[in-house]
Amino acid sequence: MMTAYLDYLDASADKLQAEARALLAASRADEANFVKIRINIFGVCKTVYETLQRATEPAQFEQAYLAKLRQLSDSWQAAYDKAKMHDDAEKLLIEEIKLKMLQKIKLQYLELRRKGHAGS
């Protein structure tokens, strides 16, 4: 069943795809690559959501989904901390993009959930 949350993920990724294409057309490949990272985070969240939706009882779904998002955040935070320790500016930026995007997506999920639109 398609939900408002999955619609949000798809629409957001589509909008970013258009942005990435425009950046590439303007010979701004580095910026386009950072947009592609954001697109990938939407894809990761969608894949996790759909996989857990199939494999989890509805009563446990939200807890399982939020736990998986926390695991992703913890992993990316560790990578961010490691990049910071090694003064790896590019990796630091990549991990920061991933963390910020994940937080934005999680907040949207919780907002839709609060309104009763995210589904499970």
Protein backbone atom coordinates (compact mmCIF):
# COMPACT_ATOMS: atom_id res chain seq x y z
CA MET A 1 0.00 0.00 0.00
CA MET A 2 1.40 3.37 -1.00
CA THR A 3 1.37 5.88 1.85
CA ALA A 4 1.83 9.61 2.19
CA TYR A 5 5.31 8.91 3.56
CA LEU A 6 6.36 6.85 0.54
CA ASP A 7 4.85 9.53 -1.71
CA TYR A 8 6.96 12.11 0.15
CA LEU A 9 10.12 10.02 -0.32
CA ASP A 10 9.45 9.51 -4.02
CA ALA A 11 8.53 13.14 -4.72
CA SER A 12 11.55 14.43 -2.83
CA ALA A 13 13.92 12.08 -4.67
CA ASP A 14 12.36 13.05 -8.03
CA LYS A 15 12.80 16.75 -7.26
CA LEU A 16 16.44 16.15 -6.34
CA GLN A 17 16.97 14.12 -9.53
CA ALA A 18 15.88 17.14 -11.54
CA GLU A 19 18.23 19.33 -9.52
CA ALA A 20 21.13 16.92 -10.13
CA ARG A 21 20.43 16.86 -13.89
CA ALA A 22 20.37 20.67 -13.99
CA LEU A 23 23.68 20.85 -12.11
CA LEU A 24 25.27 18.35 -14.48
CA ALA A 25 23.97 20.30 -17.47
CA ALA A 26 25.61 23.40 -15.98
CA SER A 27 28.94 21.54 -15.63
CA ARG A 28 28.64 21.49 -11.84
CA ALA A 29 29.38 17.79 -11.34
CA ASP A 30 30.72 18.12 -7.78
CA GLU A 31 27.51 19.76 -6.62
CA ALA A 32 25.46 17.19 -8.53
CA ASN A 33 27.30 14.41 -6.69
CA PHE A 34 26.30 15.91 -3.34
CA VAL A 35 22.69 16.05 -4.50
CA LYS A 36 22.94 12.38 -5.51
CA ILE A 37 23.99 11.55 -1.94
CA ARG A 38 20.78 13.15 -0.72
CA ILE A 39 18.79 11.16 -3.30
CA ASN A 40 20.41 7.96 -2.04
CA ILE A 41 19.30 8.67 1.53
CA PHE A 42 15.67 8.89 0.37
CA GLY A 43 16.18 5.56 -1.38
CA VAL A 44 17.70 3.96 1.72
CA CYS A 45 14.80 5.13 3.88
CA LYS A 46 12.26 3.86 1.34
CA THR A 47 13.95 0.46 1.07
CA VAL A 48 14.15 0.08 4.84
CA TYR A 49 10.51 1.14 5.22
CA GLU A 50 9.22 -1.27 2.59
CA THR A 51 11.37 -4.16 3.82
CA LEU A 52 10.28 -3.71 7.43
CA GLN A 53 6.68 -3.26 6.34
CA ARG A 54 6.77 -6.74 4.80
CA ALA A 55 8.75 -8.37 7.62
CA THR A 56 7.30 -6.78 10.75
CA GLU A 57 3.97 -7.09 12.51
CA PRO A 58 2.04 -3.81 12.22
CA ALA A 59 2.12 -3.30 16.00
CA GLN A 60 5.94 -3.42 16.00
CA PHE A 61 6.55 -1.62 12.72
CA GLU A 62 7.05 1.94 13.92
CA GLN A 63 9.41 0.92 16.72
CA ALA A 64 11.43 -1.25 14.29
CA TYR A 65 11.58 1.50 11.65
CA LEU A 66 12.69 4.20 14.07
CA ALA A 67 15.28 1.80 15.55
CA LYS A 68 16.69 1.19 12.05
CA LEU A 69 16.87 4.94 11.39
CA ARG A 70 18.76 5.32 14.70
CA GLN A 71 21.20 2.59 13.62
CA LEU A 72 21.84 4.41 10.35
CA SER A 73 22.32 7.70 12.17
CA ASP A 74 24.71 6.13 14.68
CA SER A 75 26.75 4.55 11.89
CA TRP A 76 26.95 7.77 9.91
CA GLN A 77 27.77 9.76 13.04
CA ALA A 78 30.69 7.40 13.70
CA ALA A 79 31.90 7.90 10.11
CA TYR A 80 31.52 11.68 10.57
CA ASP A 81 33.54 11.58 13.79
CA LYS A 82 36.25 9.49 12.12
CA ALA A 83 36.43 11.90 9.17
CA LYS A 84 36.70 14.81 11.57
CA MET A 85 39.50 13.08 13.45
CA HIS A 86 41.40 12.58 10.17
CA ASP A 87 40.66 16.08 8.81
CA ASP A 88 38.98 14.55 5.76
CA ALA A 89 36.92 17.54 4.61
CA GLU A 90 35.14 15.78 1.73
CA LYS A 91 34.15 12.76 3.81
CA LEU A 92 33.08 15.09 6.60
CA LEU A 93 30.77 16.94 4.21
CA ILE A 94 29.33 13.70 2.83
CA GLU A 95 28.55 12.33 6.30
CA GLU A 96 27.07 15.68 7.34
CA ILE A 97 24.77 15.63 4.29
CA LYS A 98 23.67 12.08 5.13
CA LEU A 99 22.99 12.91 8.78
CA LYS A 100 21.04 16.09 7.99
CA MET A 101 18.99 14.37 5.28
CA LEU A 102 18.18 11.43 7.55
CA GLN A 103 17.07 13.80 10.30
CA LYS A 104 14.83 15.71 7.87
CA ILE A 105 13.26 12.48 6.62
CA LYS A 106 12.74 11.16 10.15
CA LEU A 107 11.02 14.40 11.19
CA GLN A 108 8.73 14.18 8.15
CA TYR A 109 7.88 10.57 9.01
CA LEU A 110 7.04 11.53 12.59
CA GLU A 111 4.93 14.47 11.42
CA LEU A 112 2.97 12.29 9.00
CA ARG A 113 2.65 9.64 11.69
CA ARG A 114 1.29 12.25 14.10
CA LYS A 115 -1.30 13.21 11.49
CA GLY A 116 -2.08 9.54 10.85
CA HIS A 117 -0.77 9.49 7.27
CA ALA A 118 2.49 7.54 7.38
CA GLY A 119 0.92 4.11 7.46
CA SER A 120 2.54 0.98 8.76
